[in-house]
Amino acid sequence: MQRYINQITSDIKAAQTNVLPDPELGTEKTYEEFEQKMLTIENAPDMPAKHLYGVSYEELPPPEKLTKQQMQQLIDAIIEMWVKFNISTEFPKNLPLKLRYELIRDCFEDDVHYMPGWSMHQDFCDGWCPGCKIADYCSSIDEIWTKEELEEERRKINK
């Protein structure tokens, strides 16, 4: 398995060359040129994670097949690659390694809307606490939900 992890890590590192040049917004001579550049960026098609990041969701092994060291190796490689794409990551404190890996792996499941020159912050929060994998580690949940409200919503989901 380690040879496979090393190959995936190599593919992820190679994907750092997929970063497109910054479109240098603000250099246009007219508003129409600026608007056209913005529309091109905003309307660009979503692309599979494999095309952009060099590896697909299916190629990233499930955590049960990895050692802790292998999970950490993949997490480190992906975060290093994301930095090149202006994607920052933030995990709740005390989040177990397996859960960190699962959250990152899940990001490869859907297509990506990549906008060169823009930055993205990945905190793995979709705003819906009752269905959240990391709710038990979230520092903001108590500001949003009472324990009773959260449990009630979770019961509704699990019916």
N, C-alpha and C. Protein backbone atom coordinates (compact mmCIF):
# COMPACT_ATOMS: atom_id res chain seq x y z
N MET A 1 0.82 -1.20 0.00
CA MET A 1 0.00 0.00 0.00
C MET A 1 0.87 1.27 0.00
N GLN A 2 2.04 1.20 0.66
CA GLN A 2 2.87 2.39 0.74
C GLN A 2 3.34 2.86 -0.64
N ARG A 3 3.63 1.92 -1.53
CA ARG A 3 4.03 2.31 -2.90
C ARG A 3 2.90 3.07 -3.58
N TYR A 4 1.67 2.61 -3.36
CA TYR A 4 0.50 3.29 -3.94
C TYR A 4 0.35 4.69 -3.35
N ILE A 5 0.51 4.83 -2.05
CA ILE A 5 0.42 6.14 -1.39
C ILE A 5 1.50 7.07 -1.94
N ASN A 6 2.70 6.55 -2.12
CA ASN A 6 3.79 7.37 -2.68
C ASN A 6 3.45 7.83 -4.09
N GLN A 7 2.82 6.96 -4.89
CA GLN A 7 2.43 7.34 -6.25
C GLN A 7 1.36 8.43 -6.23
N ILE A 8 0.36 8.27 -5.36
CA ILE A 8 -0.69 9.29 -5.25
C ILE A 8 -0.08 10.62 -4.81
N THR A 9 0.82 10.56 -3.83
CA THR A 9 1.48 11.77 -3.35
C THR A 9 2.25 12.44 -4.49
N SER A 10 2.89 11.65 -5.32
CA SER A 10 3.62 12.18 -6.47
C SER A 10 2.65 12.83 -7.47
N ASP A 11 1.50 12.20 -7.71
CA ASP A 11 0.49 12.77 -8.61
C ASP A 11 -0.05 14.09 -8.07
N ILE A 12 -0.26 14.15 -6.77
CA ILE A 12 -0.75 15.37 -6.14
C ILE A 12 0.28 16.49 -6.27
N LYS A 13 1.54 16.15 -6.05
CA LYS A 13 2.61 17.14 -6.19
C LYS A 13 2.69 17.65 -7.63
N ALA A 14 2.56 16.75 -8.59
CA ALA A 14 2.59 17.15 -10.00
C ALA A 14 1.42 18.06 -10.35
N ALA A 15 0.30 17.89 -9.68
CA ALA A 15 -0.89 18.71 -9.96
C ALA A 15 -0.69 20.17 -9.59
N GLN A 16 0.34 20.47 -8.82
CA GLN A 16 0.61 21.87 -8.47
C GLN A 16 0.88 22.70 -9.72
N THR A 17 1.25 22.05 -10.80
CA THR A 17 1.49 22.78 -12.05
C THR A 17 0.18 23.12 -12.76
N ASN A 18 -0.94 22.62 -12.26
CA ASN A 18 -2.25 22.92 -12.86
C ASN A 18 -2.79 24.29 -12.45
N VAL A 19 -2.09 24.96 -11.55
CA VAL A 19 -2.52 26.29 -11.13
C VAL A 19 -2.43 27.23 -12.32
N LEU A 20 -3.54 27.84 -12.65
CA LEU A 20 -3.56 28.77 -13.78
C LEU A 20 -3.03 30.13 -13.36
N PRO A 21 -2.49 30.90 -14.30
CA PRO A 21 -1.97 32.22 -13.95
C PRO A 21 -3.08 33.14 -13.44
N ASP A 22 -2.70 34.03 -12.57
CA ASP A 22 -3.62 35.04 -12.05
C ASP A 22 -4.10 35.89 -13.22
N PRO A 23 -5.41 36.12 -13.33
CA PRO A 23 -5.92 36.91 -14.47
C PRO A 23 -5.60 38.40 -14.38
N GLU A 24 -4.94 38.82 -13.31
CA GLU A 24 -4.52 40.22 -13.14
C GLU A 24 -5.68 41.19 -13.37
N LEU A 25 -6.70 41.01 -12.55
CA LEU A 25 -7.84 41.92 -12.64
C LEU A 25 -7.41 43.33 -12.30
N GLY A 26 -8.00 44.28 -12.97
CA GLY A 26 -7.67 45.69 -12.76
C GLY A 26 -6.73 46.24 -13.80
N THR A 27 -6.27 45.39 -14.70
CA THR A 27 -5.36 45.85 -15.76
C THR A 27 -6.11 46.17 -17.06
N GLU A 28 -7.41 46.00 -17.04
CA GLU A 28 -8.22 46.21 -18.25
C GLU A 28 -8.33 47.70 -18.56
N LYS A 29 -8.48 48.00 -19.83
CA LYS A 29 -8.59 49.40 -20.26
C LYS A 29 -10.01 49.93 -20.12
N THR A 30 -11.00 49.03 -20.19
CA THR A 30 -12.40 49.47 -20.10
C THR A 30 -13.15 48.58 -19.12
N TYR A 31 -14.29 49.09 -18.69
CA TYR A 31 -15.14 48.29 -17.81
C TYR A 31 -15.62 47.04 -18.53
N GLU A 32 -15.91 47.15 -19.81
CA GLU A 32 -16.40 46.01 -20.58
C GLU A 32 -15.36 44.89 -20.61
N GLU A 33 -14.09 45.26 -20.73
CA GLU A 33 -13.02 44.25 -20.71
C GLU A 33 -12.98 43.55 -19.34
N PHE A 34 -13.09 44.36 -18.29
CA PHE A 34 -13.11 43.81 -16.94
C PHE A 34 -14.30 42.87 -16.77
N GLU A 35 -15.46 43.33 -17.19
CA GLU A 35 -16.68 42.53 -17.05
C GLU A 35 -16.54 41.21 -17.82
N GLN A 36 -16.00 41.27 -19.01
CA GLN A 36 -15.83 40.05 -19.81
C GLN A 36 -14.87 39.08 -19.12
N LYS A 37 -13.80 39.60 -18.55
CA LYS A 37 -12.84 38.75 -17.85
C LYS A 37 -13.50 38.09 -16.64
N MET A 38 -14.28 38.87 -15.90
CA MET A 38 -14.98 38.33 -14.73
C MET A 38 -15.99 37.26 -15.12
N LEU A 39 -16.75 37.52 -16.16
CA LEU A 39 -17.75 36.54 -16.61
C LEU A 39 -17.09 35.24 -17.07
N THR A 40 -15.96 35.36 -17.73
CA THR A 40 -15.23 34.17 -18.16
C THR A 40 -14.81 33.33 -16.96
N ILE A 41 -14.31 33.99 -15.93
CA ILE A 41 -13.88 33.28 -14.72
C ILE A 41 -15.08 32.67 -14.01
N GLU A 42 -16.12 33.48 -13.79
CA GLU A 42 -17.28 33.01 -13.04
C GLU A 42 -18.04 31.91 -13.75
N ASN A 43 -18.09 31.96 -15.07
CA ASN A 43 -18.86 30.99 -15.84
C ASN A 43 -18.04 29.80 -16.34
N ALA A 44 -16.82 29.73 -15.92
CA ALA A 44 -15.99 28.59 -16.32
C ALA A 44 -16.65 27.31 -15.80
N PRO A 45 -16.58 26.25 -16.56
CA PRO A 45 -17.23 25.01 -16.12
C PRO A 45 -16.52 24.40 -14.92
N ASP A 46 -17.31 23.75 -14.08
CA ASP A 46 -16.72 22.98 -12.99
C ASP A 46 -15.93 21.83 -13.61
N MET A 47 -14.90 21.41 -12.91
CA MET A 47 -14.09 20.31 -13.44
C MET A 47 -13.90 19.24 -12.39
N PRO A 48 -13.73 18.01 -12.84
CA PRO A 48 -13.50 16.92 -11.88
C PRO A 48 -12.24 17.19 -11.06
N ALA A 49 -12.27 16.79 -9.81
CA ALA A 49 -11.11 16.96 -8.94
C ALA A 49 -9.87 16.32 -9.55
N LYS A 50 -10.04 15.19 -10.20
CA LYS A 50 -8.91 14.48 -10.84
C LYS A 50 -8.21 15.39 -11.84
N HIS A 51 -8.98 16.13 -12.62
CA HIS A 51 -8.40 17.00 -13.65
C HIS A 51 -7.57 18.12 -13.02
N LEU A 52 -8.05 18.65 -11.92
CA LEU A 52 -7.39 19.78 -11.29
C LEU A 52 -6.32 19.34 -10.29
N TYR A 53 -6.67 18.38 -9.43
CA TYR A 53 -5.81 17.99 -8.32
C TYR A 53 -4.96 16.74 -8.58
N GLY A 54 -5.14 16.11 -9.73
CA GLY A 54 -4.30 14.97 -10.09
C GLY A 54 -4.73 13.64 -9.52
N VAL A 55 -5.76 13.63 -8.70
CA VAL A 55 -6.24 12.39 -8.09
C VAL A 55 -7.74 12.51 -7.87
N SER A 56 -8.43 11.40 -7.96
CA SER A 56 -9.89 11.41 -7.78
C SER A 56 -10.27 10.86 -6.40
N TYR A 57 -11.51 11.06 -6.06
CA TYR A 57 -12.05 10.52 -4.80
C TYR A 57 -11.83 9.01 -4.74
N GLU A 58 -12.11 8.33 -5.84
CA GLU A 58 -12.00 6.87 -5.87
C GLU A 58 -10.55 6.41 -5.70
N GLU A 59 -9.62 7.22 -6.11
CA GLU A 59 -8.20 6.84 -5.99
C GLU A 59 -7.65 7.06 -4.58
N LEU A 60 -8.32 7.89 -3.81
CA LEU A 60 -7.89 8.10 -2.42
C LEU A 60 -8.47 6.97 -1.58
N PRO A 61 -7.63 6.15 -0.98
CA PRO A 61 -8.13 5.00 -0.24
C PRO A 61 -9.00 5.43 0.96
N PRO A 62 -9.98 4.60 1.31
CA PRO A 62 -10.75 4.89 2.52
C PRO A 62 -9.82 4.80 3.74
N PRO A 63 -10.13 5.54 4.78
CA PRO A 63 -9.22 5.59 5.93
C PRO A 63 -8.95 4.22 6.57
N GLU A 64 -9.90 3.31 6.47
CA GLU A 64 -9.74 1.99 7.08
C GLU A 64 -8.59 1.20 6.46
N LYS A 65 -8.19 1.58 5.25
CA LYS A 65 -7.11 0.86 4.56
C LYS A 65 -5.75 1.51 4.76
N LEU A 66 -5.71 2.60 5.54
CA LEU A 66 -4.47 3.36 5.71
C LEU A 66 -3.97 3.31 7.14
N THR A 67 -2.67 3.43 7.28
CA THR A 67 -2.10 3.63 8.61
C THR A 67 -2.23 5.12 8.95
N LYS A 68 -1.99 5.45 10.19
CA LYS A 68 -2.01 6.87 10.58
C LYS A 68 -0.96 7.66 9.81
N GLN A 69 0.20 7.07 9.61
CA GLN A 69 1.27 7.75 8.89
C GLN A 69 0.87 8.00 7.43
N GLN A 70 0.20 7.05 6.82
CA GLN A 70 -0.23 7.21 5.43
C GLN A 70 -1.32 8.28 5.31
N MET A 71 -2.25 8.29 6.27
CA MET A 71 -3.28 9.35 6.26
C MET A 71 -2.61 10.71 6.38
N GLN A 72 -1.66 10.83 7.30
CA GLN A 72 -0.97 12.10 7.50
C GLN A 72 -0.18 12.49 6.25
N GLN A 73 0.46 11.53 5.61
CA GLN A 73 1.22 11.79 4.38
C GLN A 73 0.30 12.37 3.30
N LEU A 74 -0.88 11.79 3.13
CA LEU A 74 -1.82 12.28 2.12
C LEU A 74 -2.39 13.64 2.50
N ILE A 75 -2.73 13.81 3.76
CA ILE A 75 -3.24 15.11 4.22
C ILE A 75 -2.21 16.20 3.94
N ASP A 76 -0.96 15.94 4.32
CA ASP A 76 0.10 16.94 4.11
C ASP A 76 0.29 17.27 2.63
N ALA A 77 0.27 16.24 1.78
CA ALA A 77 0.46 16.47 0.34
C ALA A 77 -0.69 17.28 -0.24
N ILE A 78 -1.91 16.96 0.17
CA ILE A 78 -3.08 17.67 -0.36
C ILE A 78 -3.09 19.12 0.12
N ILE A 79 -2.83 19.34 1.39
CA ILE A 79 -2.82 20.71 1.90
C ILE A 79 -1.72 21.53 1.24
N GLU A 80 -0.55 20.92 1.04
CA GLU A 80 0.54 21.63 0.35
C GLU A 80 0.12 22.01 -1.07
N MET A 81 -0.56 21.09 -1.76
CA MET A 81 -1.04 21.37 -3.12
C MET A 81 -2.11 22.46 -3.09
N TRP A 82 -3.05 22.37 -2.14
CA TRP A 82 -4.11 23.38 -2.05
C TRP A 82 -3.55 24.78 -1.83
N VAL A 83 -2.48 24.88 -1.06
CA VAL A 83 -1.85 26.20 -0.85
C VAL A 83 -1.48 26.82 -2.19
N LYS A 84 -0.98 26.03 -3.11
CA LYS A 84 -0.63 26.53 -4.45
C LYS A 84 -1.86 27.04 -5.19
N PHE A 85 -3.03 26.46 -4.89
CA PHE A 85 -4.29 26.87 -5.51
C PHE A 85 -4.99 27.97 -4.70
N ASN A 86 -4.31 28.54 -3.71
CA ASN A 86 -4.88 29.56 -2.81
C ASN A 86 -6.05 29.03 -2.00
N ILE A 87 -5.97 27.78 -1.60
CA ILE A 87 -7.00 27.19 -0.74
C ILE A 87 -6.38 26.97 0.63
N SER A 88 -6.92 27.66 1.62
CA SER A 88 -6.44 27.47 2.98
C SER A 88 -7.38 26.49 3.69
N THR A 89 -6.87 25.81 4.68
CA THR A 89 -7.68 24.85 5.42
C THR A 89 -7.64 25.17 6.91
N GLU A 90 -8.75 24.86 7.54
CA GLU A 90 -8.86 25.07 8.99
C GLU A 90 -9.69 23.94 9.57
N PHE A 91 -9.13 23.27 10.56
CA PHE A 91 -9.83 22.18 11.24
C PHE A 91 -10.13 22.60 12.67
N PRO A 92 -11.23 22.10 13.22
CA PRO A 92 -11.47 22.34 14.65
C PRO A 92 -10.35 21.70 15.48
N LYS A 93 -10.12 22.27 16.63
CA LYS A 93 -9.10 21.71 17.52
C LYS A 93 -9.52 20.31 17.94
N ASN A 94 -8.53 19.48 18.17
CA ASN A 94 -8.72 18.11 18.66
C ASN A 94 -9.47 17.20 17.69
N LEU A 95 -9.54 17.56 16.43
CA LEU A 95 -10.21 16.72 15.44
C LEU A 95 -9.32 15.51 15.15
N PRO A 96 -9.84 14.30 15.31
CA PRO A 96 -9.03 13.11 15.07
C PRO A 96 -8.52 13.04 13.63
N LEU A 97 -7.37 12.43 13.48
CA LEU A 97 -6.71 12.31 12.18
C LEU A 97 -7.62 11.66 11.14
N LYS A 98 -8.28 10.58 11.52
CA LYS A 98 -9.16 9.86 10.58
C LYS A 98 -10.25 10.78 10.05
N LEU A 99 -10.82 11.60 10.91
CA LEU A 99 -11.87 12.52 10.50
C LEU A 99 -11.31 13.62 9.60
N ARG A 100 -10.11 14.10 9.90
CA ARG A 100 -9.45 15.08 9.02
C ARG A 100 -9.30 14.51 7.60
N TYR A 101 -8.81 13.30 7.55
CA TYR A 101 -8.61 12.66 6.25
C TYR A 101 -9.94 12.48 5.52
N GLU A 102 -10.98 12.03 6.23
CA GLU A 102 -12.29 11.84 5.60
C GLU A 102 -12.82 13.15 5.03
N LEU A 103 -12.68 14.24 5.79
CA LEU A 103 -13.16 15.54 5.32
C LEU A 103 -12.43 15.97 4.05
N ILE A 104 -11.12 15.82 4.05
CA ILE A 104 -10.34 16.19 2.87
C ILE A 104 -10.70 15.29 1.69
N ARG A 105 -10.79 14.01 1.94
CA ARG A 105 -11.14 13.06 0.87
C ARG A 105 -12.50 13.40 0.27
N ASP A 106 -13.45 13.76 1.11
CA ASP A 106 -14.79 14.13 0.63
C ASP A 106 -14.76 15.30 -0.35
N CYS A 107 -13.77 16.17 -0.22
CA CYS A 107 -13.65 17.33 -1.13
C CYS A 107 -13.34 16.91 -2.56
N PHE A 108 -12.91 15.68 -2.75
CA PHE A 108 -12.58 15.18 -4.09
C PHE A 108 -13.76 14.49 -4.76
N GLU A 109 -14.86 14.38 -4.04
CA GLU A 109 -16.02 13.65 -4.57
C GLU A 109 -16.78 14.44 -5.63
N ASP A 110 -16.87 15.75 -5.45
CA ASP A 110 -17.63 16.59 -6.38
C ASP A 110 -16.70 17.37 -7.30
N ASP A 111 -17.27 17.87 -8.38
CA ASP A 111 -16.51 18.73 -9.28
C ASP A 111 -16.12 20.02 -8.56
N VAL A 112 -15.09 20.66 -9.08
CA VAL A 112 -14.52 21.86 -8.46
C VAL A 112 -14.73 23.06 -9.38
N HIS A 113 -15.15 24.17 -8.80
CA HIS A 113 -15.24 25.41 -9.57
C HIS A 113 -14.00 26.23 -9.23
N TYR A 114 -13.01 26.13 -10.08
CA TYR A 114 -11.72 26.79 -9.84
C TYR A 114 -11.72 28.15 -10.51
N MET A 115 -11.40 29.17 -9.73
CA MET A 115 -11.33 30.53 -10.26
C MET A 115 -9.92 31.06 -10.02
N PRO A 116 -9.08 31.06 -11.05
CA PRO A 116 -7.70 31.53 -10.90
C PRO A 116 -7.65 32.94 -10.32
N GLY A 117 -6.70 33.15 -9.42
CA GLY A 117 -6.52 34.46 -8.82
C GLY A 117 -7.37 34.69 -7.58
N TRP A 118 -8.28 33.79 -7.29
CA TRP A 118 -9.15 33.92 -6.12
C TRP A 118 -8.65 32.97 -5.04
N SER A 119 -9.05 33.23 -3.84
CA SER A 119 -8.68 32.33 -2.75
C SER A 119 -9.94 31.70 -2.17
N MET A 120 -9.74 30.57 -1.52
CA MET A 120 -10.85 29.87 -0.89
C MET A 120 -10.39 29.38 0.48
N HIS A 121 -11.31 29.43 1.41
CA HIS A 121 -11.02 28.95 2.76
C HIS A 121 -11.88 27.71 3.01
N GLN A 122 -11.25 26.60 3.29
CA GLN A 122 -11.96 25.35 3.53
C GLN A 122 -11.97 25.06 5.02
N ASP A 123 -13.13 25.32 5.64
CA ASP A 123 -13.26 25.00 7.07
C ASP A 123 -14.18 23.81 7.30
N PHE A 124 -14.65 23.22 6.21
CA PHE A 124 -15.45 22.00 6.24
C PHE A 124 -16.80 22.19 6.93
N CYS A 125 -17.27 23.42 6.97
CA CYS A 125 -18.56 23.74 7.58
C CYS A 125 -19.56 24.07 6.47
N ASP A 126 -20.68 23.35 6.47
CA ASP A 126 -21.72 23.68 5.49
C ASP A 126 -22.87 24.45 6.13
N GLY A 127 -22.73 24.73 7.42
CA GLY A 127 -23.73 25.55 8.11
C GLY A 127 -24.89 24.77 8.70
N TRP A 128 -24.98 23.48 8.45
CA TRP A 128 -26.08 22.68 8.97
C TRP A 128 -25.53 21.73 10.03
N CYS A 129 -25.53 22.16 11.26
CA CYS A 129 -24.90 21.44 12.36
C CYS A 129 -25.47 20.04 12.62
N PRO A 130 -26.79 19.84 12.54
CA PRO A 130 -27.32 18.50 12.87
C PRO A 130 -26.76 17.37 12.01
N GLY A 131 -26.42 17.65 10.78
CA GLY A 131 -25.88 16.61 9.91
C GLY A 131 -24.38 16.66 9.75
N CYS A 132 -23.72 17.45 10.54
CA CYS A 132 -22.28 17.70 10.38
C CYS A 132 -21.44 16.60 11.03
N LYS A 133 -20.42 16.14 10.30
CA LYS A 133 -19.50 15.13 10.81
C LYS A 133 -18.65 15.64 11.98
N ILE A 134 -18.43 16.96 12.00
CA ILE A 134 -17.49 17.50 12.99
C ILE A 134 -18.18 18.37 14.04
N ALA A 135 -19.49 18.24 14.15
CA ALA A 135 -20.24 19.07 15.10
C ALA A 135 -19.72 18.92 16.53
N ASP A 136 -19.32 17.73 16.90
CA ASP A 136 -18.86 17.50 18.27
C ASP A 136 -17.52 18.18 18.56
N TYR A 137 -16.86 18.68 17.53
CA TYR A 137 -15.56 19.35 17.70
C TYR A 137 -15.64 20.85 17.41
N CYS A 138 -16.82 21.31 17.03
CA CYS A 138 -17.00 22.70 16.60
C CYS A 138 -17.03 23.66 17.79
N SER A 139 -16.29 24.74 17.67
CA SER A 139 -16.26 25.74 18.75
C SER A 139 -17.41 26.74 18.63
N SER A 140 -18.12 26.73 17.51
CA SER A 140 -19.21 27.70 17.29
C SER A 140 -20.60 27.12 17.51
N ILE A 141 -20.71 25.83 17.64
CA ILE A 141 -22.03 25.20 17.66
C ILE A 141 -22.90 25.68 18.82
N ASP A 142 -22.29 25.93 19.97
CA ASP A 142 -23.07 26.37 21.13
C ASP A 142 -23.66 27.76 20.95
N GLU A 143 -23.07 28.54 20.05
CA GLU A 143 -23.60 29.87 19.76
C GLU A 143 -24.81 29.79 18.84
N ILE A 144 -24.97 28.67 18.16
CA ILE A 144 -26.02 28.53 17.15
C ILE A 144 -27.15 27.63 17.62
N TRP A 145 -26.82 26.55 18.30
CA TRP A 145 -27.80 25.56 18.71
C TRP A 145 -27.71 25.28 20.21
N THR A 146 -28.86 25.06 20.83
CA THR A 146 -28.84 24.52 22.18
C THR A 146 -28.68 23.01 22.02
N LYS A 147 -28.25 22.35 23.06
CA LYS A 147 -28.07 20.90 22.99
C LYS A 147 -29.39 20.20 22.65
N GLU A 148 -30.48 20.70 23.23
CA GLU A 148 -31.80 20.11 22.99
C GLU A 148 -32.23 20.27 21.54
N GLU A 149 -32.05 21.47 20.99
CA GLU A 149 -32.42 21.72 19.58
C GLU A 149 -31.62 20.82 18.64
N LEU A 150 -30.35 20.70 18.92
CA LEU A 150 -29.48 19.88 18.08
C LEU A 150 -29.92 18.42 18.10
N GLU A 151 -30.17 17.89 19.29
CA GLU A 151 -30.60 16.50 19.41
C GLU A 151 -31.95 16.27 18.74
N GLU A 152 -32.87 17.22 18.86
CA GLU A 152 -34.18 17.10 18.21
C GLU A 152 -34.03 17.04 16.69
N GLU A 153 -33.20 17.90 16.13
CA GLU A 153 -32.98 17.89 14.68
C GLU A 153 -32.30 16.60 14.22
N ARG A 154 -31.37 16.12 15.02
CA ARG A 154 -30.69 14.86 14.68
C ARG A 154 -31.67 13.69 14.69
N ARG A 155 -32.61 13.70 15.63
CA ARG A 155 -33.64 12.64 15.67
C ARG A 155 -34.49 12.68 14.40
N LYS A 156 -34.84 13.88 13.95
CA LYS A 156 -35.64 14.02 12.73
C LYS A 156 -34.90 13.45 11.52
N ILE A 157 -33.61 13.71 11.47
CA ILE A 157 -32.80 13.23 10.35
C ILE A 157 -32.73 11.70 10.34
N ASN A 158 -32.61 11.12 11.51
CA ASN A 158 -32.39 9.67 11.62
C ASN A 158 -33.68 8.85 11.61
N LYS A 159 -34.82 9.47 11.39
CA LYS A 159 -36.09 8.72 11.35
C LYS A 159 -36.19 7.89 10.12
